[in-house]
N, C-alpha and C. Protein backbone atom coordinates (compact mmCIF):
# COMPACT_ATOMS: atom_id res chain seq x y z
N MET A 1 216.77 126.98 144.60
CA MET A 1 216.89 125.78 145.46
C MET A 1 215.65 125.74 146.37
N ARG A 2 215.19 124.51 146.62
CA ARG A 2 214.08 124.31 147.45
C ARG A 2 214.46 124.37 148.90
N ARG A 3 213.56 124.86 149.74
CA ARG A 3 213.81 124.97 151.20
C ARG A 3 213.39 123.63 151.86
N LEU A 4 214.26 123.08 152.69
CA LEU A 4 214.05 121.80 153.35
C LEU A 4 213.89 122.03 154.85
N GLY A 5 212.96 121.36 155.45
CA GLY A 5 212.73 121.43 156.89
C GLY A 5 213.32 120.19 157.56
N LEU A 6 214.07 120.39 158.62
CA LEU A 6 214.68 119.27 159.35
C LEU A 6 214.09 119.18 160.73
N LEU A 7 213.58 117.98 161.09
CA LEU A 7 213.15 117.73 162.45
C LEU A 7 214.34 117.01 163.14
N GLY A 8 215.02 117.76 163.98
CA GLY A 8 216.27 117.28 164.57
C GLY A 8 216.26 117.29 166.08
N GLY A 9 217.44 117.11 166.62
CA GLY A 9 217.61 117.16 168.07
C GLY A 9 217.31 115.85 168.76
N MET A 10 217.29 114.74 167.95
CA MET A 10 216.89 113.47 168.57
C MET A 10 217.96 112.42 168.35
N SER A 11 219.13 112.60 168.79
CA SER A 11 219.67 113.73 169.51
C SER A 11 220.39 114.69 168.52
N TRP A 12 220.83 115.81 169.06
CA TRP A 12 221.49 116.76 168.17
C TRP A 12 222.81 116.18 167.65
N GLU A 13 223.35 115.20 168.39
CA GLU A 13 224.58 114.57 167.94
C GLU A 13 224.43 113.95 166.58
N SER A 14 223.26 113.44 166.27
CA SER A 14 223.04 112.88 164.94
C SER A 14 222.54 113.96 163.97
N SER A 15 221.74 114.90 164.43
CA SER A 15 221.18 115.94 163.57
C SER A 15 222.27 116.75 162.91
N VAL A 16 223.31 117.07 163.63
CA VAL A 16 224.38 117.86 163.12
C VAL A 16 224.99 117.24 161.88
N HIS A 17 225.02 115.91 161.82
CA HIS A 17 225.56 115.19 160.68
C HIS A 17 224.66 115.39 159.43
N TYR A 18 223.33 115.39 159.65
CA TYR A 18 222.43 115.63 158.58
C TYR A 18 222.67 117.00 157.95
N GLU A 19 222.74 118.01 158.80
CA GLU A 19 222.92 119.39 158.30
C GLU A 19 224.26 119.51 157.57
N ARG A 20 225.31 118.90 158.14
CA ARG A 20 226.62 118.98 157.52
C ARG A 20 226.61 118.28 156.13
N LEU A 21 226.07 117.08 156.06
CA LEU A 21 226.06 116.34 154.81
C LEU A 21 225.24 117.00 153.74
N ILE A 22 224.08 117.54 154.12
CA ILE A 22 223.24 118.28 153.20
C ILE A 22 223.99 119.47 152.64
N ASN A 23 224.63 120.24 153.50
CA ASN A 23 225.32 121.43 153.09
C ASN A 23 226.54 121.06 152.24
N GLU A 24 227.25 120.02 152.56
CA GLU A 24 228.38 119.56 151.76
C GLU A 24 227.94 119.17 150.38
N ALA A 25 226.78 118.48 150.26
CA ALA A 25 226.26 118.09 148.95
C ALA A 25 225.87 119.30 148.13
N VAL A 26 225.24 120.32 148.75
CA VAL A 26 224.87 121.51 148.03
C VAL A 26 226.12 122.23 147.55
N ARG A 27 227.13 122.38 148.42
CA ARG A 27 228.35 123.06 148.03
C ARG A 27 229.06 122.31 146.86
N ALA A 28 229.04 120.98 146.98
CA ALA A 28 229.69 120.20 145.89
C ALA A 28 228.95 120.42 144.56
N ASP A 29 227.66 120.53 144.61
CA ASP A 29 226.84 120.67 143.44
C ASP A 29 226.93 122.09 142.87
N ARG A 30 226.84 123.10 143.74
CA ARG A 30 226.75 124.45 143.28
C ARG A 30 228.06 125.25 143.37
N GLY A 31 229.00 124.74 144.19
CA GLY A 31 230.28 125.38 144.27
C GLY A 31 230.33 126.62 145.16
N GLY A 32 231.50 127.19 145.29
CA GLY A 32 231.71 128.42 146.07
C GLY A 32 231.27 128.27 147.52
N VAL A 33 230.48 129.29 147.93
CA VAL A 33 230.05 129.31 149.33
C VAL A 33 228.58 128.93 149.42
N ALA A 34 228.07 128.24 148.44
CA ALA A 34 226.68 127.82 148.44
C ALA A 34 226.38 126.90 149.61
N SER A 35 225.20 127.05 150.16
CA SER A 35 224.76 126.15 151.25
C SER A 35 223.23 125.95 151.12
N ALA A 36 222.78 124.96 151.83
CA ALA A 36 221.37 124.58 151.75
C ALA A 36 220.49 125.60 152.41
N ASP A 37 219.27 125.76 151.88
CA ASP A 37 218.23 126.61 152.47
C ASP A 37 217.45 125.67 153.41
N LEU A 38 217.76 125.76 154.71
CA LEU A 38 217.20 124.86 155.70
C LEU A 38 216.44 125.58 156.78
N LEU A 39 215.35 124.93 157.21
CA LEU A 39 214.68 125.33 158.45
C LEU A 39 214.88 124.15 159.40
N VAL A 40 215.33 124.43 160.60
CA VAL A 40 215.63 123.34 161.55
C VAL A 40 214.77 123.52 162.81
N ARG A 41 214.13 122.42 163.20
CA ARG A 41 213.41 122.41 164.47
C ARG A 41 214.17 121.33 165.32
N SER A 42 214.90 121.79 166.30
CA SER A 42 215.70 120.92 167.15
C SER A 42 214.97 120.74 168.47
N PHE A 43 214.64 119.53 168.77
CA PHE A 43 213.93 119.21 170.01
C PHE A 43 214.85 119.01 171.19
N ASP A 44 214.32 119.19 172.39
CA ASP A 44 215.00 118.78 173.58
C ASP A 44 214.84 117.26 173.67
N PHE A 45 215.92 116.55 173.44
CA PHE A 45 215.84 115.08 173.30
C PHE A 45 215.33 114.44 174.60
N ALA A 46 215.55 115.09 175.75
CA ALA A 46 215.04 114.52 177.01
C ALA A 46 213.52 114.34 176.95
N VAL A 47 212.88 115.27 176.33
CA VAL A 47 211.37 115.17 176.19
C VAL A 47 211.01 114.02 175.26
N ILE A 48 211.66 113.90 174.11
CA ILE A 48 211.37 112.87 173.14
C ILE A 48 211.73 111.49 173.72
N GLU A 49 212.87 111.41 174.38
CA GLU A 49 213.32 110.11 174.94
C GLU A 49 212.34 109.65 175.99
N ALA A 50 211.79 110.55 176.81
CA ALA A 50 210.83 110.19 177.81
C ALA A 50 209.56 109.62 177.20
N LEU A 51 209.11 110.21 176.10
CA LEU A 51 207.94 109.68 175.38
C LEU A 51 208.22 108.34 174.80
N GLN A 52 209.42 108.12 174.21
CA GLN A 52 209.80 106.82 173.71
C GLN A 52 209.78 105.76 174.80
N ALA A 53 210.47 106.07 175.91
CA ALA A 53 210.59 105.10 177.00
C ALA A 53 209.25 104.70 177.58
N ALA A 54 208.35 105.65 177.59
CA ALA A 54 206.98 105.38 178.19
C ALA A 54 206.05 104.78 177.13
N GLY A 55 206.48 104.59 175.90
CA GLY A 55 205.65 104.06 174.87
C GLY A 55 204.53 104.97 174.44
N ARG A 56 204.76 106.29 174.63
CA ARG A 56 203.74 107.29 174.32
C ARG A 56 203.95 107.81 172.88
N TRP A 57 203.84 106.87 171.96
CA TRP A 57 204.13 107.21 170.56
C TRP A 57 203.07 108.15 169.97
N ASP A 58 201.84 108.09 170.42
CA ASP A 58 200.83 109.05 169.89
C ASP A 58 201.20 110.49 170.25
N GLU A 59 201.67 110.68 171.48
CA GLU A 59 202.10 111.99 171.87
C GLU A 59 203.34 112.45 171.09
N ALA A 60 204.25 111.51 170.89
CA ALA A 60 205.45 111.84 170.14
C ALA A 60 205.06 112.21 168.71
N ALA A 61 204.10 111.46 168.15
CA ALA A 61 203.65 111.77 166.80
C ALA A 61 203.06 113.18 166.74
N ASP A 62 202.26 113.54 167.75
CA ASP A 62 201.65 114.85 167.79
C ASP A 62 202.70 115.95 167.82
N VAL A 63 203.75 115.70 168.65
CA VAL A 63 204.81 116.71 168.79
C VAL A 63 205.55 116.89 167.44
N LEU A 64 205.94 115.79 166.80
CA LEU A 64 206.67 115.91 165.54
C LEU A 64 205.76 116.42 164.42
N ALA A 65 204.50 115.99 164.38
CA ALA A 65 203.60 116.51 163.34
C ALA A 65 203.38 118.00 163.48
N GLY A 66 203.22 118.47 164.73
CA GLY A 66 203.05 119.90 164.91
C GLY A 66 204.26 120.69 164.49
N ALA A 67 205.46 120.17 164.80
CA ALA A 67 206.71 120.82 164.36
C ALA A 67 206.84 120.80 162.85
N ALA A 68 206.44 119.72 162.23
CA ALA A 68 206.51 119.65 160.76
C ALA A 68 205.59 120.66 160.13
N ARG A 69 204.40 120.82 160.70
CA ARG A 69 203.46 121.84 160.20
C ARG A 69 204.11 123.24 160.30
N HIS A 70 204.80 123.51 161.39
CA HIS A 70 205.46 124.82 161.54
C HIS A 70 206.58 125.01 160.48
N LEU A 71 207.29 123.93 160.19
CA LEU A 71 208.33 124.03 159.16
C LEU A 71 207.71 124.36 157.81
N VAL A 72 206.62 123.69 157.50
CA VAL A 72 205.96 123.94 156.25
C VAL A 72 205.37 125.36 156.21
N ALA A 73 204.79 125.80 157.31
CA ALA A 73 204.30 127.18 157.37
C ALA A 73 205.45 128.18 157.20
N GLY A 74 206.64 127.79 157.57
CA GLY A 74 207.81 128.65 157.37
C GLY A 74 208.42 128.55 155.97
N GLY A 75 207.83 127.76 155.12
CA GLY A 75 208.27 127.66 153.76
C GLY A 75 208.97 126.38 153.33
N ALA A 76 209.07 125.41 154.22
CA ALA A 76 209.70 124.15 153.87
C ALA A 76 208.88 123.47 152.76
N GLU A 77 209.61 123.02 151.74
CA GLU A 77 208.97 122.29 150.61
C GLU A 77 209.18 120.78 150.73
N GLY A 78 209.81 120.39 151.76
CA GLY A 78 210.05 118.94 152.06
C GLY A 78 210.51 118.85 153.47
N VAL A 79 210.32 117.71 154.13
CA VAL A 79 210.66 117.52 155.51
C VAL A 79 211.50 116.26 155.66
N VAL A 80 212.48 116.34 156.56
CA VAL A 80 213.30 115.16 156.90
C VAL A 80 213.25 114.95 158.40
N ILE A 81 212.98 113.74 158.85
CA ILE A 81 213.05 113.38 160.26
C ILE A 81 214.48 112.85 160.47
N CYS A 82 215.29 113.60 161.23
CA CYS A 82 216.72 113.34 161.36
C CYS A 82 217.04 112.29 162.44
N THR A 83 216.38 111.18 162.35
CA THR A 83 216.67 110.07 163.24
C THR A 83 215.94 108.86 162.73
N ASN A 84 216.52 107.67 162.89
CA ASN A 84 215.84 106.44 162.49
C ASN A 84 214.64 106.14 163.36
N THR A 85 214.80 106.18 164.65
CA THR A 85 213.76 105.73 165.56
C THR A 85 212.46 106.52 165.40
N MET A 86 212.54 107.80 165.21
CA MET A 86 211.30 108.56 165.13
C MET A 86 210.56 108.36 163.81
N HIS A 87 211.11 107.52 162.93
CA HIS A 87 210.31 107.12 161.80
C HIS A 87 209.20 106.21 162.22
N ARG A 88 209.19 105.83 163.46
CA ARG A 88 208.08 105.10 164.07
C ARG A 88 206.78 105.91 163.90
N VAL A 89 206.89 107.22 163.80
CA VAL A 89 205.71 108.10 163.62
C VAL A 89 205.70 108.80 162.28
N TYR A 90 206.37 108.23 161.35
CA TYR A 90 206.49 108.82 159.98
C TYR A 90 205.08 109.05 159.37
N ASP A 91 204.23 108.03 159.43
CA ASP A 91 202.92 108.18 158.78
C ASP A 91 202.14 109.37 159.31
N GLU A 92 202.21 109.58 160.61
CA GLU A 92 201.51 110.71 161.18
C GLU A 92 202.09 112.04 160.78
N VAL A 93 203.41 112.11 160.71
CA VAL A 93 204.09 113.33 160.28
C VAL A 93 203.77 113.61 158.82
N ALA A 94 203.85 112.58 157.97
CA ALA A 94 203.58 112.75 156.57
C ALA A 94 202.12 113.20 156.32
N ALA A 95 201.21 112.59 157.06
CA ALA A 95 199.80 112.99 156.92
C ALA A 95 199.56 114.45 157.35
N ALA A 96 200.30 114.89 158.35
CA ALA A 96 200.11 116.23 158.87
C ALA A 96 200.51 117.33 157.88
N VAL A 97 201.40 117.04 156.98
CA VAL A 97 201.92 118.04 156.08
C VAL A 97 201.62 117.75 154.59
N ALA A 98 200.92 116.69 154.33
CA ALA A 98 200.57 116.32 152.93
C ALA A 98 199.90 117.54 152.26
N PRO A 99 200.27 117.79 151.03
CA PRO A 99 201.05 117.03 150.09
C PRO A 99 202.57 117.29 150.09
N VAL A 100 203.05 118.05 151.06
CA VAL A 100 204.49 118.30 151.14
C VAL A 100 205.16 116.95 151.47
N PRO A 101 206.20 116.58 150.68
CA PRO A 101 206.84 115.28 150.90
C PRO A 101 207.66 115.24 152.20
N VAL A 102 207.62 114.06 152.82
CA VAL A 102 208.48 113.77 153.96
C VAL A 102 209.33 112.61 153.55
N LEU A 103 210.64 112.84 153.52
CA LEU A 103 211.56 111.75 153.15
C LEU A 103 211.56 110.67 154.19
N HIS A 104 211.42 109.43 153.76
CA HIS A 104 211.57 108.29 154.71
C HIS A 104 212.99 107.77 154.60
N ILE A 105 213.68 107.77 155.74
CA ILE A 105 215.08 107.39 155.76
C ILE A 105 215.30 105.94 155.24
N ALA A 106 214.37 105.05 155.46
CA ALA A 106 214.50 103.68 154.93
C ALA A 106 214.47 103.64 153.45
N ASP A 107 213.70 104.53 152.82
CA ASP A 107 213.68 104.59 151.35
C ASP A 107 215.02 105.07 150.79
N ALA A 108 215.58 106.10 151.43
CA ALA A 108 216.88 106.61 150.98
C ALA A 108 217.97 105.54 151.24
N THR A 109 217.86 104.89 152.35
CA THR A 109 218.82 103.78 152.67
C THR A 109 218.71 102.69 151.64
N ALA A 110 217.51 102.29 151.28
CA ALA A 110 217.30 101.21 150.32
C ALA A 110 217.87 101.57 148.95
N VAL A 111 217.73 102.83 148.54
CA VAL A 111 218.25 103.22 147.27
C VAL A 111 219.80 103.07 147.29
N ALA A 112 220.45 103.54 148.35
CA ALA A 112 221.92 103.43 148.47
C ALA A 112 222.35 102.02 148.53
N VAL A 113 221.62 101.19 149.26
CA VAL A 113 221.95 99.77 149.38
C VAL A 113 221.85 99.06 148.04
N ARG A 114 220.80 99.31 147.31
CA ARG A 114 220.61 98.69 145.99
C ARG A 114 221.71 99.21 145.04
N GLU A 115 222.03 100.49 145.08
CA GLU A 115 223.09 100.98 144.20
C GLU A 115 224.42 100.33 144.50
N ALA A 116 224.63 99.90 145.73
CA ALA A 116 225.86 99.21 146.12
C ALA A 116 225.81 97.74 145.76
N GLY A 117 224.68 97.24 145.26
CA GLY A 117 224.53 95.89 144.86
C GLY A 117 224.30 94.91 146.02
N VAL A 118 223.83 95.44 147.15
CA VAL A 118 223.59 94.65 148.29
C VAL A 118 222.12 94.23 148.34
N ALA A 119 221.86 92.94 148.74
CA ALA A 119 220.50 92.47 148.84
C ALA A 119 219.99 92.26 150.22
N THR A 120 220.90 92.13 151.16
CA THR A 120 220.52 91.88 152.55
C THR A 120 221.35 92.82 153.45
N VAL A 121 220.68 93.47 154.42
CA VAL A 121 221.32 94.42 155.29
C VAL A 121 221.22 93.98 156.74
N GLY A 122 222.17 94.39 157.53
CA GLY A 122 222.10 94.26 158.96
C GLY A 122 221.54 95.53 159.53
N LEU A 123 220.54 95.45 160.42
CA LEU A 123 219.89 96.62 161.00
C LEU A 123 220.32 96.80 162.40
N LEU A 124 221.02 97.89 162.69
CA LEU A 124 221.37 98.25 164.05
C LEU A 124 220.64 99.56 164.36
N GLY A 125 220.22 99.70 165.60
CA GLY A 125 219.55 100.91 166.00
C GLY A 125 219.03 100.76 167.41
N THR A 126 218.13 101.63 167.80
CA THR A 126 217.50 101.50 169.12
C THR A 126 216.69 100.21 169.10
N ARG A 127 216.28 99.76 170.29
CA ARG A 127 215.42 98.57 170.34
C ARG A 127 214.16 98.78 169.56
N PHE A 128 213.68 100.00 169.58
CA PHE A 128 212.40 100.35 168.84
C PHE A 128 212.61 100.06 167.35
N THR A 129 213.74 100.50 166.85
CA THR A 129 214.02 100.34 165.44
C THR A 129 214.29 98.91 165.06
N MET A 130 214.99 98.20 165.90
CA MET A 130 215.32 96.81 165.62
C MET A 130 214.14 95.87 165.86
N GLU A 131 213.32 96.15 166.83
CA GLU A 131 212.27 95.15 167.27
C GLU A 131 210.90 95.45 166.74
N GLN A 132 210.63 96.69 166.40
CA GLN A 132 209.33 97.01 165.81
C GLN A 132 209.46 96.98 164.30
N ASP A 133 208.34 96.97 163.60
CA ASP A 133 208.31 96.67 162.22
C ASP A 133 208.42 97.88 161.25
N PHE A 134 208.42 99.08 161.80
CA PHE A 134 208.28 100.29 160.98
C PHE A 134 209.47 100.49 160.05
N TYR A 135 210.61 100.01 160.39
CA TYR A 135 211.81 100.24 159.54
C TYR A 135 212.14 99.02 158.69
N ALA A 136 212.25 97.86 159.34
CA ALA A 136 212.60 96.62 158.62
C ALA A 136 211.55 96.31 157.55
N ALA A 137 210.28 96.48 157.91
CA ALA A 137 209.26 96.17 156.89
C ALA A 137 209.33 97.09 155.71
N ARG A 138 209.68 98.33 155.91
CA ARG A 138 209.81 99.28 154.80
C ARG A 138 210.95 98.81 153.89
N LEU A 139 212.07 98.36 154.48
CA LEU A 139 213.17 97.86 153.65
C LEU A 139 212.78 96.56 152.92
N HIS A 140 212.14 95.67 153.65
CA HIS A 140 211.78 94.35 153.10
C HIS A 140 210.60 94.44 152.12
N ASP A 141 209.49 94.90 152.64
CA ASP A 141 208.26 94.92 151.83
C ASP A 141 208.30 95.97 150.72
N GLY A 142 208.85 97.12 151.05
CA GLY A 142 208.89 98.25 150.06
C GLY A 142 210.00 98.15 149.06
N HIS A 143 211.09 97.47 149.44
CA HIS A 143 212.27 97.46 148.53
C HIS A 143 212.85 96.09 148.30
N GLY A 144 212.25 95.04 148.85
CA GLY A 144 212.70 93.69 148.59
C GLY A 144 214.04 93.32 149.19
N LEU A 145 214.48 94.08 150.19
CA LEU A 145 215.73 93.76 150.86
C LEU A 145 215.56 92.76 151.98
N GLY A 146 216.54 91.89 152.15
CA GLY A 146 216.57 91.09 153.33
C GLY A 146 217.07 91.90 154.50
N VAL A 147 216.54 91.67 155.67
CA VAL A 147 216.92 92.44 156.84
C VAL A 147 217.26 91.51 158.00
N LEU A 148 218.48 91.65 158.52
CA LEU A 148 218.95 90.85 159.67
C LEU A 148 219.03 91.74 160.88
N VAL A 149 218.57 91.31 162.02
CA VAL A 149 218.73 92.02 163.26
C VAL A 149 219.48 91.16 164.24
N PRO A 150 220.23 91.76 165.16
CA PRO A 150 220.99 90.96 166.16
C PRO A 150 220.10 90.18 167.08
N GLU A 151 220.67 89.22 167.77
CA GLU A 151 219.94 88.47 168.79
C GLU A 151 219.63 89.44 169.94
N ALA A 152 218.75 88.98 170.85
CA ALA A 152 218.20 89.83 171.91
C ALA A 152 219.27 90.46 172.78
N ASP A 153 220.26 89.73 173.19
CA ASP A 153 221.35 90.29 174.01
C ASP A 153 222.12 91.37 173.29
N ASP A 154 222.40 91.14 172.04
CA ASP A 154 223.10 92.14 171.23
C ASP A 154 222.23 93.38 170.97
N ARG A 155 220.94 93.16 170.74
CA ARG A 155 220.02 94.32 170.59
C ARG A 155 220.03 95.19 171.82
N ALA A 156 220.01 94.54 172.98
CA ALA A 156 220.04 95.31 174.26
C ALA A 156 221.33 96.10 174.36
N LEU A 157 222.46 95.52 173.99
CA LEU A 157 223.72 96.22 174.00
C LEU A 157 223.74 97.41 173.07
N VAL A 158 223.29 97.19 171.82
CA VAL A 158 223.28 98.26 170.85
C VAL A 158 222.38 99.43 171.37
N HIS A 159 221.21 99.09 171.88
CA HIS A 159 220.30 100.12 172.41
C HIS A 159 220.94 100.90 173.55
N ARG A 160 221.56 100.15 174.48
CA ARG A 160 222.19 100.83 175.62
C ARG A 160 223.26 101.80 175.20
N VAL A 161 224.13 101.39 174.25
CA VAL A 161 225.19 102.27 173.80
C VAL A 161 224.64 103.49 173.16
N ILE A 162 223.58 103.33 172.37
CA ILE A 162 222.98 104.51 171.72
C ILE A 162 222.53 105.54 172.81
N TYR A 163 221.82 105.11 173.77
CA TYR A 163 221.25 106.03 174.77
C TYR A 163 222.24 106.46 175.84
N ASP A 164 223.21 105.60 176.16
CA ASP A 164 224.15 105.99 177.21
C ASP A 164 225.39 106.70 176.65
N GLU A 165 225.66 106.52 175.37
CA GLU A 165 226.87 107.10 174.81
C GLU A 165 226.63 107.95 173.55
N LEU A 166 226.11 107.35 172.53
CA LEU A 166 226.08 108.06 171.23
C LEU A 166 225.26 109.31 171.26
N VAL A 167 224.14 109.34 171.96
CA VAL A 167 223.33 110.56 172.02
C VAL A 167 224.07 111.66 172.83
N ARG A 168 225.09 111.28 173.55
CA ARG A 168 225.90 112.21 174.32
C ARG A 168 227.25 112.56 173.64
N GLY A 169 227.42 112.01 172.42
CA GLY A 169 228.65 112.29 171.69
C GLY A 169 229.85 111.48 172.15
N VAL A 170 229.58 110.35 172.81
CA VAL A 170 230.60 109.49 173.35
C VAL A 170 230.62 108.16 172.58
N VAL A 171 231.84 107.71 172.22
CA VAL A 171 232.04 106.39 171.68
C VAL A 171 233.22 105.79 172.40
N SER A 172 232.94 104.98 173.38
CA SER A 172 234.03 104.39 174.18
C SER A 172 234.65 103.25 173.38
N PRO A 173 235.98 103.04 173.59
CA PRO A 173 236.63 101.90 172.93
C PRO A 173 235.93 100.57 173.15
N SER A 174 235.46 100.36 174.39
CA SER A 174 234.79 99.07 174.66
C SER A 174 233.48 98.97 173.90
N SER A 175 232.77 100.02 173.75
CA SER A 175 231.49 99.98 172.98
C SER A 175 231.81 99.80 171.49
N ARG A 176 232.80 100.45 171.02
CA ARG A 176 233.19 100.28 169.61
C ARG A 176 233.54 98.80 169.34
N ALA A 177 234.28 98.20 170.25
CA ALA A 177 234.66 96.78 170.08
C ALA A 177 233.42 95.89 170.18
N ALA A 178 232.52 96.22 171.09
CA ALA A 178 231.31 95.42 171.27
C ALA A 178 230.42 95.50 169.98
N TYR A 179 230.33 96.70 169.41
CA TYR A 179 229.56 96.84 168.15
C TYR A 179 230.20 96.00 167.03
N GLN A 180 231.52 96.04 167.00
CA GLN A 180 232.19 95.24 165.93
C GLN A 180 231.94 93.75 166.10
N GLU A 181 231.82 93.31 167.35
CA GLU A 181 231.46 91.91 167.61
C GLU A 181 230.04 91.63 167.17
N VAL A 182 229.09 92.53 167.40
CA VAL A 182 227.73 92.34 166.97
C VAL A 182 227.66 92.21 165.47
N VAL A 183 228.39 93.05 164.77
CA VAL A 183 228.37 93.02 163.29
C VAL A 183 229.08 91.76 162.81
């Protein structure tokens, strides 16, 4: 089995799902007590969030690229960025570890969407993910999918809930209801 490097902790509330799902897939495939061969670099999300909020994407790219290089030096044969938003710096991370592959989450998403027979998707995420082109363009230009994003007020709500609740492991009933209204 190949060793996979995970760039996580952005926030760890989401990263833990990646590790669980990867391990469940390996166990389902191999049986018994098999689990994935993973190297995990979990960031202090407060540091990453501050870089995002300040628009310091070059610094964020340097941080993630350096961590990806360490994962590869540790034997990772592929790298996953365990968050949608930080795919904003995907190109820099991929260049830092080439030719080692870095999975782009939008590509994996597009494959699943196409397999489900869906041609247009609704994109929810941080304001960076919904308002900047790095994710939607990959879905549209790279995979021919239609991409819908919420109106400005709804984007602000979705972003707020992510940073005020979801990254802290909280899903309030009012936020759940608000998300359902957005969708």
